[in-house]
Amino acid sequence: MEVYFNIRLKYECKLNNLSKETCRNKLNKIALFKGQLRQTLPVIPCSTYADEINTCLKSSRLWRNIEKVQLTVNMHVQMLQDSSAETFSKQLLDIGNGKVAVHENTGCIKLPTDFCTIINSQNTLIDHIYPDVQTQYKNLEWLAERAILAAKNVDVNQLNSKIQYLLPGDLVSYKTVDAVCDANKAVNYAIEFLNSIVAITIERWISGYFASFGYTMPFPRTYVACSRVGKPSSLFVLARDGLIKNIVHPIVLRD
């Protein structure tokens, strides 16, 4: 199973049920976890730093019994066969490991000049990610290779509106709801299921690579955002003077 290291109780319950099944049927089973500790930690309302760490899978009683195996070759970099991709990969690891110096006055890190293209406005970001969108908007493969990540809904709405107004034709809005029309059938459809066919979650988004990718501040999980590309020419960051927040929990990264 793929693990985002963010809700340890869920995986403890799964392994507990698996253990009961193996004992009942006298079977031997191996549980394989896949994931990385630099991904987003749990989001807990009104929580403290300690709450986030305690909810992480590494704080589980199971962690000491898990055999850790690390991948050492970045296959995505090798497939690109681009010298800049190897440098980009090392710079990205430094960001994810919290090795990039934090400015005392701003609490931000400064992105290396050869790490990405720094953008100063939403319009410029759109021009870089979606060039010729007026003619390419029907090319599904072209669209699937591009994305802009924003942490706040207000930024998402602004970006969507600006991109939509670049498209030819009339703008039409189609509304969705998380409820069924027939109240008698409400018990057949959980709210979680209805929401899942409306929105795209971070977990679903972080599974792919993009040929052209941009993100806007504030998005403090810099490693998570930047890891969606394999070379600097594909990454565009909207950040003044290249200064961005970078939240890293060193205690989680320790062996």
C-alpha atoms as a PDB file:
ATOM      1  CA  MET A   1       0.000   0.000   0.000  1.00  0.00           C
ATOM      2  CA  GLU A   2       1.184   3.552  -0.699  1.00  0.00           C
ATOM      3  CA  VAL A   3       1.755   5.514   2.487  1.00  0.00           C
ATOM      4  CA  TYR A   4       1.746   9.283   2.875  1.00  0.00           C
ATOM      5  CA  PHE A   5       3.023   9.000   6.468  1.00  0.00           C
ATOM      6  CA  ASN A   6       0.231  11.211   7.672  1.00  0.00           C
ATOM      7  CA  ILE A   7      -2.354   9.143   9.545  1.00  0.00           C
ATOM      8  CA  ARG A   8      -0.682   6.410  11.549  1.00  0.00           C
ATOM      9  CA  LEU A   9      -3.868   5.116  13.215  1.00  0.00           C
ATOM     10  CA  LYS A  10      -5.330   4.168   9.827  1.00  0.00           C
ATOM     11  CA  TYR A  11      -2.364   1.951   8.992  1.00  0.00           C
ATOM     12  CA  GLU A  12      -2.204   0.525  12.503  1.00  0.00           C
ATOM     13  CA  CYS A  13      -5.813  -0.614  12.124  1.00  0.00           C
ATOM     14  CA  LYS A  14      -5.120  -2.136   8.703  1.00  0.00           C
ATOM     15  CA  LEU A  15      -2.140  -4.087   9.990  1.00  0.00           C
ATOM     16  CA  ASN A  16      -4.063  -5.169  13.081  1.00  0.00           C
ATOM     17  CA  ASN A  17      -6.824  -6.614  10.881  1.00  0.00           C
ATOM     18  CA  LEU A  18      -4.220  -8.275   8.641  1.00  0.00           C
ATOM     19  CA  SER A  19      -2.546  -9.824  11.683  1.00  0.00           C
ATOM     20  CA  LYS A  20      -5.845 -11.249  12.921  1.00  0.00           C
ATOM     21  CA  GLU A  21      -6.544 -12.741   9.498  1.00  0.00           C
ATOM     22  CA  THR A  22      -3.134 -14.420   9.242  1.00  0.00           C
ATOM     23  CA  CYS A  23      -3.455 -15.902  12.712  1.00  0.00           C
ATOM     24  CA  ARG A  24      -6.970 -17.158  12.019  1.00  0.00           C
ATOM     25  CA  ASN A  25      -6.030 -18.780   8.721  1.00  0.00           C
ATOM     26  CA  LYS A  26      -2.479 -19.761   9.769  1.00  0.00           C
ATOM     27  CA  LEU A  27      -0.937 -17.799   6.901  1.00  0.00           C
ATOM     28  CA  ASN A  28       2.229 -15.766   6.493  1.00  0.00           C
ATOM     29  CA  LYS A  29       1.833 -12.380   4.864  1.00  0.00           C
ATOM     30  CA  ILE A  30       4.152  -9.470   4.152  1.00  0.00           C
ATOM     31  CA  ALA A  31       2.903  -5.875   4.322  1.00  0.00           C
ATOM     32  CA  LEU A  32       4.749  -3.542   1.952  1.00  0.00           C
ATOM     33  CA  PHE A  33       4.573   0.222   2.560  1.00  0.00           C
ATOM     34  CA  LYS A  34       5.616   2.694  -0.116  1.00  0.00           C
ATOM     35  CA  GLY A  35       6.069   6.414   0.399  1.00  0.00           C
ATOM     36  CA  GLN A  36       8.443   9.149   1.443  1.00  0.00           C
ATOM     37  CA  LEU A  37       8.776  11.199   4.594  1.00  0.00           C
ATOM     38  CA  ARG A  38       9.215  14.504   2.763  1.00  0.00           C
ATOM     39  CA  GLN A  39       5.582  14.489   1.676  1.00  0.00           C
ATOM     40  CA  THR A  40       2.919  16.513   3.473  1.00  0.00           C
ATOM     41  CA  LEU A  41       2.377  15.707   7.144  1.00  0.00           C
ATOM     42  CA  PRO A  42      -1.188  15.510   8.520  1.00  0.00           C
ATOM     43  CA  VAL A  43      -3.328  18.637   8.577  1.00  0.00           C
ATOM     44  CA  ILE A  44      -4.965  18.769  12.013  1.00  0.00           C
ATOM     45  CA  PRO A  45      -7.219  21.726  12.922  1.00  0.00           C
ATOM     46  CA  CYS A  46      -5.957  23.764  15.894  1.00  0.00           C
ATOM     47  CA  SER A  47      -3.000  21.402  16.283  1.00  0.00           C
ATOM     48  CA  THR A  48       0.528  21.936  17.526  1.00  0.00           C
ATOM     49  CA  TYR A  49       3.857  20.857  16.070  1.00  0.00           C
ATOM     50  CA  ALA A  50       3.853  17.922  18.509  1.00  0.00           C
ATOM     51  CA  ASP A  51       0.376  16.824  17.341  1.00  0.00           C
ATOM     52  CA  GLU A  52       1.536  16.617  13.723  1.00  0.00           C
ATOM     53  CA  ILE A  53       4.614  14.599  14.642  1.00  0.00           C
ATOM     54  CA  ASN A  54       2.628  12.251  16.892  1.00  0.00           C
ATOM     55  CA  THR A  55       0.133  11.515  14.103  1.00  0.00           C
ATOM     56  CA  CYS A  56       2.885  10.633  11.635  1.00  0.00           C
ATOM     57  CA  LEU A  57       3.463   6.941  10.910  1.00  0.00           C
ATOM     58  CA  LYS A  58       7.034   7.170  12.239  1.00  0.00           C
ATOM     59  CA  SER A  59       5.573   7.809  15.711  1.00  0.00           C
ATOM     60  CA  SER A  60       3.692   4.523  15.564  1.00  0.00           C
ATOM     61  CA  ARG A  61       4.696   1.545  17.696  1.00  0.00           C
ATOM     62  CA  LEU A  62       4.933  -0.365  14.410  1.00  0.00           C
ATOM     63  CA  TRP A  63       7.788   1.717  13.019  1.00  0.00           C
ATOM     64  CA  ARG A  64      10.549  -0.038  14.975  1.00  0.00           C
ATOM     65  CA  ASN A  65       9.473  -3.351  13.404  1.00  0.00           C
ATOM     66  CA  ILE A  66       9.504  -2.059   9.828  1.00  0.00           C
ATOM     67  CA  GLU A  67      12.528  -2.820   7.679  1.00  0.00           C
ATOM     68  CA  LYS A  68      13.517   0.339   5.815  1.00  0.00           C
ATOM     69  CA  VAL A  69      14.763   0.068   2.223  1.00  0.00           C
ATOM     70  CA  GLN A  70      15.775   3.201   0.352  1.00  0.00           C
ATOM     71  CA  LEU A  71      15.911   3.819  -3.397  1.00  0.00           C
ATOM     72  CA  THR A  72      19.258   5.288  -4.431  1.00  0.00           C
ATOM     73  CA  VAL A  73      18.835   5.920  -8.166  1.00  0.00           C
ATOM     74  CA  ASN A  74      16.513   8.605  -9.520  1.00  0.00           C
ATOM     75  CA  MET A  75      15.081   6.820 -12.538  1.00  0.00           C
ATOM     76  CA  HIS A  76      13.161   9.883 -13.691  1.00  0.00           C
ATOM     77  CA  VAL A  77      16.434  11.804 -13.995  1.00  0.00           C
ATOM     78  CA  GLN A  78      18.095   8.957 -15.876  1.00  0.00           C
ATOM     79  CA  MET A  79      15.237   8.738 -18.356  1.00  0.00           C
ATOM     80  CA  LEU A  80      15.450  12.467 -19.096  1.00  0.00           C
ATOM     81  CA  GLN A  81      19.161  12.173 -19.971  1.00  0.00           C
ATOM     82  CA  ASP A  82      19.621  15.850 -19.137  1.00  0.00           C
ATOM     83  CA  SER A  83      22.597  17.128 -17.111  1.00  0.00           C
ATOM     84  CA  SER A  84      20.464  19.892 -15.595  1.00  0.00           C
ATOM     85  CA  ALA A  85      18.043  17.252 -14.284  1.00  0.00           C
ATOM     86  CA  GLU A  86      20.745  15.681 -12.093  1.00  0.00           C
ATOM     87  CA  THR A  87      21.607  19.060 -10.563  1.00  0.00           C
ATOM     88  CA  PHE A  88      17.911  19.784 -10.084  1.00  0.00           C
ATOM     89  CA  SER A  89      17.432  16.472  -8.276  1.00  0.00           C
ATOM     90  CA  LYS A  90      20.224  17.251  -5.788  1.00  0.00           C
ATOM     91  CA  GLN A  91      18.903  20.768  -5.168  1.00  0.00           C
ATOM     92  CA  LEU A  92      15.419  19.363  -4.590  1.00  0.00           C
ATOM     93  CA  LEU A  93      16.716  16.910  -1.985  1.00  0.00           C
ATOM     94  CA  ASP A  94      18.484  19.751  -0.170  1.00  0.00           C
ATOM     95  CA  ILE A  95      15.171  21.622  -0.015  1.00  0.00           C
ATOM     96  CA  GLY A  96      13.293  18.541   1.188  1.00  0.00           C
ATOM     97  CA  ASN A  97      15.922  17.787   3.839  1.00  0.00           C
ATOM     98  CA  GLY A  98      15.911  21.361   5.127  1.00  0.00           C
ATOM     99  CA  LYS A  99      19.537  22.005   4.144  1.00  0.00           C
ATOM    100  CA  VAL A 100      18.860  25.318   2.376  1.00  0.00           C
ATOM    101  CA  ALA A 101      19.620  28.275   4.635  1.00  0.00           C
ATOM    102  CA  VAL A 102      16.618  30.194   6.005  1.00  0.00           C
ATOM    103  CA  HIS A 103      16.774  33.993   5.966  1.00  0.00           C
ATOM    104  CA  GLU A 104      16.448  35.319   9.514  1.00  0.00           C
ATOM    105  CA  ASN A 105      14.424  38.400   8.588  1.00  0.00           C
ATOM    106  CA  THR A 106      11.866  36.708   6.344  1.00  0.00           C
ATOM    107  CA  GLY A 107      11.842  33.089   7.527  1.00  0.00           C
ATOM    108  CA  CYS A 108      12.065  32.075   3.861  1.00  0.00           C
ATOM    109  CA  ILE A 109      14.581  30.246   1.719  1.00  0.00           C
ATOM    110  CA  LYS A 110      15.868  31.664  -1.551  1.00  0.00           C
ATOM    111  CA  LEU A 111      15.546  29.356  -4.522  1.00  0.00           C
ATOM    112  CA  PRO A 112      18.759  28.860  -6.535  1.00  0.00           C
ATOM    113  CA  THR A 113      18.783  30.803  -9.808  1.00  0.00           C
ATOM    114  CA  ASP A 114      19.301  27.602 -11.819  1.00  0.00           C
ATOM    115  CA  PHE A 115      16.569  25.682  -9.991  1.00  0.00           C
ATOM    116  CA  CYS A 116      13.526  27.177 -11.717  1.00  0.00           C
ATOM    117  CA  THR A 117      12.132  30.233 -13.490  1.00  0.00           C
ATOM    118  CA  ILE A 118      10.959  32.883 -11.028  1.00  0.00           C
ATOM    119  CA  ILE A 119       7.706  34.581 -12.068  1.00  0.00           C
ATOM    120  CA  ASN A 120       6.395  37.917 -10.763  1.00  0.00           C
ATOM    121  CA  SER A 121       2.696  37.811 -11.718  1.00  0.00           C
ATOM    122  CA  GLN A 122      -0.177  35.395 -12.304  1.00  0.00           C
ATOM    123  CA  ASN A 123      -0.536  36.505 -15.919  1.00  0.00           C
ATOM    124  CA  THR A 124       3.106  35.754 -16.651  1.00  0.00           C
ATOM    125  CA  LEU A 125       2.790  32.385 -14.929  1.00  0.00           C
ATOM    126  CA  ILE A 126      -0.206  31.497 -17.106  1.00  0.00           C
ATOM    127  CA  ASP A 127       1.683  32.568 -20.249  1.00  0.00           C
ATOM    128  CA  HIS A 128       4.550  30.199 -19.388  1.00  0.00           C
ATOM    129  CA  ILE A 129       2.419  27.200 -18.397  1.00  0.00           C
ATOM    130  CA  TYR A 130      -0.303  27.568 -21.027  1.00  0.00           C
ATOM    131  CA  PRO A 131       1.244  29.250 -24.110  1.00  0.00           C
ATOM    132  CA  ASP A 132      -1.063  29.249 -27.128  1.00  0.00           C
ATOM    133  CA  VAL A 133      -3.925  27.969 -24.987  1.00  0.00           C
ATOM    134  CA  GLN A 134      -6.342  29.659 -27.420  1.00  0.00           C
ATOM    135  CA  THR A 135      -5.451  27.052 -30.037  1.00  0.00           C
ATOM    136  CA  GLN A 136      -4.270  24.140 -27.870  1.00  0.00           C
ATOM    137  CA  TYR A 137      -7.218  23.934 -25.455  1.00  0.00           C
ATOM    138  CA  LYS A 138      -8.704  20.964 -27.345  1.00  0.00           C
ATOM    139  CA  ASN A 139      -5.416  19.032 -27.207  1.00  0.00           C
ATOM    140  CA  LEU A 140      -5.981  16.801 -24.186  1.00  0.00           C
ATOM    141  CA  GLU A 141      -2.414  15.447 -24.116  1.00  0.00           C
ATOM    142  CA  TRP A 142      -1.047  19.005 -24.108  1.00  0.00           C
ATOM    143  CA  LEU A 143      -3.359  19.989 -21.236  1.00  0.00           C
ATOM    144  CA  ALA A 144      -2.548  16.848 -19.217  1.00  0.00           C
ATOM    145  CA  GLU A 145       1.156  17.791 -19.203  1.00  0.00           C
ATOM    146  CA  ARG A 146       0.519  21.157 -17.522  1.00  0.00           C
ATOM    147  CA  ALA A 147      -0.706  22.326 -14.134  1.00  0.00           C
ATOM    148  CA  ILE A 148      -0.579  25.253 -11.717  1.00  0.00           C
ATOM    149  CA  LEU A 149      -0.744  24.586  -7.984  1.00  0.00           C
ATOM    150  CA  ALA A 150      -2.136  27.143  -5.546  1.00  0.00           C
ATOM    151  CA  ALA A 151      -2.721  26.630  -1.820  1.00  0.00           C
ATOM    152  CA  LYS A 152      -5.677  29.010  -1.415  1.00  0.00           C
ATOM    153  CA  ASN A 153      -9.066  28.811  -3.085  1.00  0.00           C
ATOM    154  CA  VAL A 154      -8.999  32.536  -3.849  1.00  0.00           C
ATOM    155  CA  ASP A 155      -5.859  32.040  -5.957  1.00  0.00           C
ATOM    156  CA  VAL A 156      -7.319  28.958  -7.639  1.00  0.00           C
ATOM    157  CA  ASN A 157     -10.444  30.889  -8.603  1.00  0.00           C
ATOM    158  CA  GLN A 158      -8.408  33.813  -9.955  1.00  0.00           C
ATOM    159  CA  LEU A 159      -6.202  31.555 -12.061  1.00  0.00           C
ATOM    160  CA  ASN A 160      -9.144  29.556 -13.389  1.00  0.00           C
ATOM    161  CA  SER A 161     -11.023  32.718 -14.353  1.00  0.00           C
ATOM    162  CA  LYS A 162      -8.030  34.226 -16.152  1.00  0.00           C
ATOM    163  CA  ILE A 163      -7.346  31.034 -18.098  1.00  0.00           C
ATOM    164  CA  GLN A 164     -11.019  30.566 -19.010  1.00  0.00           C
ATOM    165  CA  TYR A 165     -11.264  34.089 -20.419  1.00  0.00           C
ATOM    166  CA  LEU A 166      -8.379  33.253 -22.769  1.00  0.00           C
ATOM    167  CA  LEU A 167     -10.427  30.508 -24.402  1.00  0.00           C
ATOM    168  CA  PRO A 168     -12.598  31.221 -27.451  1.00  0.00           C
ATOM    169  CA  GLY A 169     -16.396  31.022 -27.172  1.00  0.00           C
ATOM    170  CA  ASP A 170     -18.869  31.879 -24.419  1.00  0.00           C
ATOM    171  CA  LEU A 171     -18.137  31.123 -20.763  1.00  0.00           C
ATOM    172  CA  VAL A 172     -20.647  28.719 -19.184  1.00  0.00           C
ATOM    173  CA  SER A 173     -20.714  27.579 -15.539  1.00  0.00           C
ATOM    174  CA  TYR A 174     -21.822  24.062 -14.577  1.00  0.00           C
ATOM    175  CA  LYS A 175     -22.545  23.668 -10.877  1.00  0.00           C
ATOM    176  CA  THR A 176     -22.076  20.477  -8.846  1.00  0.00           C
ATOM    177  CA  VAL A 177     -23.511  19.510  -5.463  1.00  0.00           C
ATOM    178  CA  ASP A 178     -22.616  16.930  -2.829  1.00  0.00           C
ATOM    179  CA  ALA A 179     -26.181  15.682  -2.393  1.00  0.00           C
ATOM    180  CA  VAL A 180     -28.589  13.408  -4.260  1.00  0.00           C
ATOM    181  CA  CYS A 181     -31.821  14.692  -5.787  1.00  0.00           C
ATOM    182  CA  ASP A 182     -33.948  11.953  -4.228  1.00  0.00           C
ATOM    183  CA  ALA A 183     -33.754  12.195  -0.416  1.00  0.00           C
ATOM    184  CA  ASN A 184     -34.803   8.545  -0.127  1.00  0.00           C
ATOM    185  CA  LYS A 185     -31.587   7.494  -1.882  1.00  0.00           C
ATOM    186  CA  ALA A 186     -29.293   9.560   0.358  1.00  0.00           C
ATOM    187  CA  VAL A 187     -28.326   6.491   2.419  1.00  0.00           C
ATOM    188  CA  ASN A 188     -26.928   4.829  -0.714  1.00  0.00           C
ATOM    189  CA  TYR A 189     -24.298   7.510  -1.336  1.00  0.00           C
ATOM    190  CA  ALA A 190     -21.875   8.628   1.355  1.00  0.00           C
ATOM    191  CA  ILE A 191     -20.908  12.322   1.422  1.00  0.00           C
ATOM    192  CA  GLU A 192     -17.259  11.275   1.061  1.00  0.00           C
ATOM    193  CA  PHE A 193     -18.085   9.489  -2.200  1.00  0.00           C
ATOM    194  CA  LEU A 194     -19.994  12.464  -3.602  1.00  0.00           C
ATOM    195  CA  ASN A 195     -17.119  14.766  -2.728  1.00  0.00           C
ATOM    196  CA  SER A 196     -14.622  12.417  -4.365  1.00  0.00           C
ATOM    197  CA  ILE A 197     -16.238  12.838  -7.804  1.00  0.00           C
ATOM    198  CA  VAL A 198     -16.221  16.649  -7.484  1.00  0.00           C
ATOM    199  CA  ALA A 199     -12.796  17.598  -6.159  1.00  0.00           C
ATOM    200  CA  ILE A 200      -9.202  16.490  -6.799  1.00  0.00           C
ATOM    201  CA  THR A 201      -7.279  15.888  -3.590  1.00  0.00           C
ATOM    202  CA  ILE A 202      -3.587  16.513  -2.983  1.00  0.00           C
ATOM    203  CA  GLU A 203      -3.047  12.731  -2.719  1.00  0.00           C
ATOM    204  CA  ARG A 204      -4.388  12.210  -6.248  1.00  0.00           C
ATOM    205  CA  TRP A 205      -2.501  15.198  -7.592  1.00  0.00           C
ATOM    206  CA  ILE A 206       0.982  14.281  -6.360  1.00  0.00           C
ATOM    207  CA  SER A 207       1.106  10.995  -8.269  1.00  0.00           C
ATOM    208  CA  GLY A 208       2.167  12.392 -11.657  1.00  0.00           C
ATOM    209  CA  TYR A 209       4.894  14.346 -13.467  1.00  0.00           C
ATOM    210  CA  PHE A 210       4.357  17.381 -15.661  1.00  0.00           C
ATOM    211  CA  ALA A 211       6.184  18.777 -18.663  1.00  0.00           C
ATOM    212  CA  SER A 212       5.358  22.305 -17.513  1.00  0.00           C
ATOM    213  CA  PHE A 213       4.406  23.091 -13.925  1.00  0.00           C
ATOM    214  CA  GLY A 214       3.924  26.230 -11.874  1.00  0.00           C
ATOM    215  CA  TYR A 215       2.934  27.050  -8.328  1.00  0.00           C
ATOM    216  CA  THR A 216       2.095  30.151  -6.370  1.00  0.00           C
ATOM    217  CA  MET A 217       2.833  31.344  -2.885  1.00  0.00           C
ATOM    218  CA  PRO A 218       1.952  30.595  -0.191  1.00  0.00           C
ATOM    219  CA  PHE A 219       2.614  26.863  -0.458  1.00  0.00           C
ATOM    220  CA  PRO A 220       5.016  25.945   2.375  1.00  0.00           C
ATOM    221  CA  ARG A 221       5.629  22.331   1.285  1.00  0.00           C
ATOM    222  CA  THR A 222       8.135  23.391  -1.349  1.00  0.00           C
ATOM    223  CA  TYR A 223       9.570  19.913  -1.894  1.00  0.00           C
ATOM    224  CA  VAL A 224       6.129  18.444  -2.579  1.00  0.00           C
ATOM    225  CA  ALA A 225       5.346  21.088  -5.189  1.00  0.00           C
ATOM    226  CA  CYS A 226       8.705  21.116  -6.957  1.00  0.00           C
ATOM    227  CA  SER A 227       8.978  17.325  -7.146  1.00  0.00           C
ATOM    228  CA  ARG A 228       6.311  17.238  -9.856  1.00  0.00           C
ATOM    229  CA  VAL A 229       8.934  17.977 -12.526  1.00  0.00           C
ATOM    230  CA  GLY A 230      12.346  16.532 -13.338  1.00  0.00           C
ATOM    231  CA  LYS A 231      14.304  19.519 -14.639  1.00  0.00           C
ATOM    232  CA  PRO A 232      14.489  23.283 -13.994  1.00  0.00           C
ATOM    233  CA  SER A 233      13.185  24.296 -17.424  1.00  0.00           C
ATOM    234  CA  SER A 234       9.819  22.741 -16.529  1.00  0.00           C
ATOM    235  CA  LEU A 235       9.324  24.573 -13.223  1.00  0.00           C
ATOM    236  CA  PHE A 236       7.899  28.086 -12.817  1.00  0.00           C
ATOM    237  CA  VAL A 237       7.430  29.631  -9.370  1.00  0.00           C
ATOM    238  CA  LEU A 238       5.456  32.765  -8.560  1.00  0.00           C
ATOM    239  CA  ALA A 239       7.504  34.210  -5.689  1.00  0.00           C
ATOM    240  CA  ARG A 240       8.886  37.676  -5.107  1.00  0.00           C
ATOM    241  CA  ASP A 241      12.684  37.681  -5.410  1.00  0.00           C
ATOM    242  CA  GLY A 242      12.638  33.884  -5.297  1.00  0.00           C
ATOM    243  CA  LEU A 243      11.880  33.857  -1.540  1.00  0.00           C
ATOM    244  CA  ILE A 244       9.485  31.134  -0.371  1.00  0.00           C
ATOM    245  CA  LYS A 245       8.452  29.397   2.837  1.00  0.00           C
ATOM    246  CA  ASN A 246       9.785  25.881   3.284  1.00  0.00           C
ATOM    247  CA  ILE A 247       8.392  23.877   6.201  1.00  0.00           C
ATOM    248  CA  VAL A 248      10.528  20.853   7.074  1.00  0.00           C
ATOM    249  CA  HIS A 249      10.284  18.678  10.204  1.00  0.00           C
ATOM    250  CA  PRO A 250      13.839  17.331  10.734  1.00  0.00           C
ATOM    251  CA  ILE A 251      12.703  14.961  13.498  1.00  0.00           C
ATOM    252  CA  VAL A 252      10.599  13.036  10.967  1.00  0.00           C
ATOM    253  CA  LEU A 253      13.515  12.658   8.564  1.00  0.00           C
ATOM    254  CA  ARG A 254      15.790  11.033  11.142  1.00  0.00           C
ATOM    255  CA  ASP A 255      16.371   7.288  10.958  1.00  0.00           C
END
